[in-house]
Amino acid sequence: MARAFSPASVGNAAVGFDILGHAIAGVGDTVSV
């Protein structure tokens, strides 16, 4: 089985998302195949 995790980010929460976006620890999507 393979598993991949992609963390959520605050990239679209405010102005300056290209520079100020950062990952949120513990929140995201996990895909298992």
C-alpha atoms as a PDB file:
ATOM      1  CA  MET A   1       0.000   0.000   0.000  1.00  0.00           C
ATOM      2  CA  ALA A   2       1.178   3.517  -0.823  1.00  0.00           C
ATOM      3  CA  ARG A   3       0.129   6.570   1.180  1.00  0.00           C
ATOM      4  CA  ALA A   4       0.542  10.273   0.363  1.00  0.00           C
ATOM      5  CA  PHE A   5      -0.257  13.276   2.578  1.00  0.00           C
ATOM      6  CA  SER A   6      -0.825  16.830   1.383  1.00  0.00           C
ATOM      7  CA  PRO A   7      -0.954  19.497   4.111  1.00  0.00           C
ATOM      8  CA  ALA A   8      -3.608  22.208   4.052  1.00  0.00           C
ATOM      9  CA  SER A   9      -2.431  25.792   3.669  1.00  0.00           C
ATOM     10  CA  VAL A  10      -3.647  29.310   4.315  1.00  0.00           C
ATOM     11  CA  GLY A  11      -2.613  30.384   0.810  1.00  0.00           C
ATOM     12  CA  ASN A  12      -6.016  31.785  -0.181  1.00  0.00           C
ATOM     13  CA  ALA A  13      -6.969  33.337   3.155  1.00  0.00           C
ATOM     14  CA  ALA A  14      -5.632  36.860   2.607  1.00  0.00           C
ATOM     15  CA  VAL A  15      -3.766  39.281   0.357  1.00  0.00           C
ATOM     16  CA  GLY A  16      -0.135  38.313  -0.292  1.00  0.00           C
ATOM     17  CA  PHE A  17      -0.862  34.587  -0.498  1.00  0.00           C
ATOM     18  CA  ASP A  18       2.082  33.998  -2.867  1.00  0.00           C
ATOM     19  CA  ILE A  19       4.530  35.052  -0.153  1.00  0.00           C
ATOM     20  CA  LEU A  20       2.669  34.594   3.132  1.00  0.00           C
ATOM     21  CA  GLY A  21       1.004  31.192   2.626  1.00  0.00           C
ATOM     22  CA  HIS A  22       2.124  28.434   4.971  1.00  0.00           C
ATOM     23  CA  ALA A  23       1.112  24.862   5.794  1.00  0.00           C
ATOM     24  CA  ILE A  24      -1.166  24.071   8.733  1.00  0.00           C
ATOM     25  CA  ALA A  25       0.218  21.213  10.832  1.00  0.00           C
ATOM     26  CA  GLY A  26      -2.070  18.208  11.221  1.00  0.00           C
ATOM     27  CA  VAL A  27      -4.705  19.284   8.679  1.00  0.00           C
ATOM     28  CA  GLY A  28      -4.749  17.998   5.120  1.00  0.00           C
ATOM     29  CA  ASP A  29      -5.643  15.159   2.778  1.00  0.00           C
ATOM     30  CA  THR A  30      -4.341  11.594   2.931  1.00  0.00           C
ATOM     31  CA  VAL A  31      -4.653   9.244  -0.048  1.00  0.00           C
ATOM     32  CA  SER A  32      -4.037   5.505   0.279  1.00  0.00           C
ATOM     33  CA  VAL A  33      -3.782   3.137  -2.689  1.00  0.00           C
END
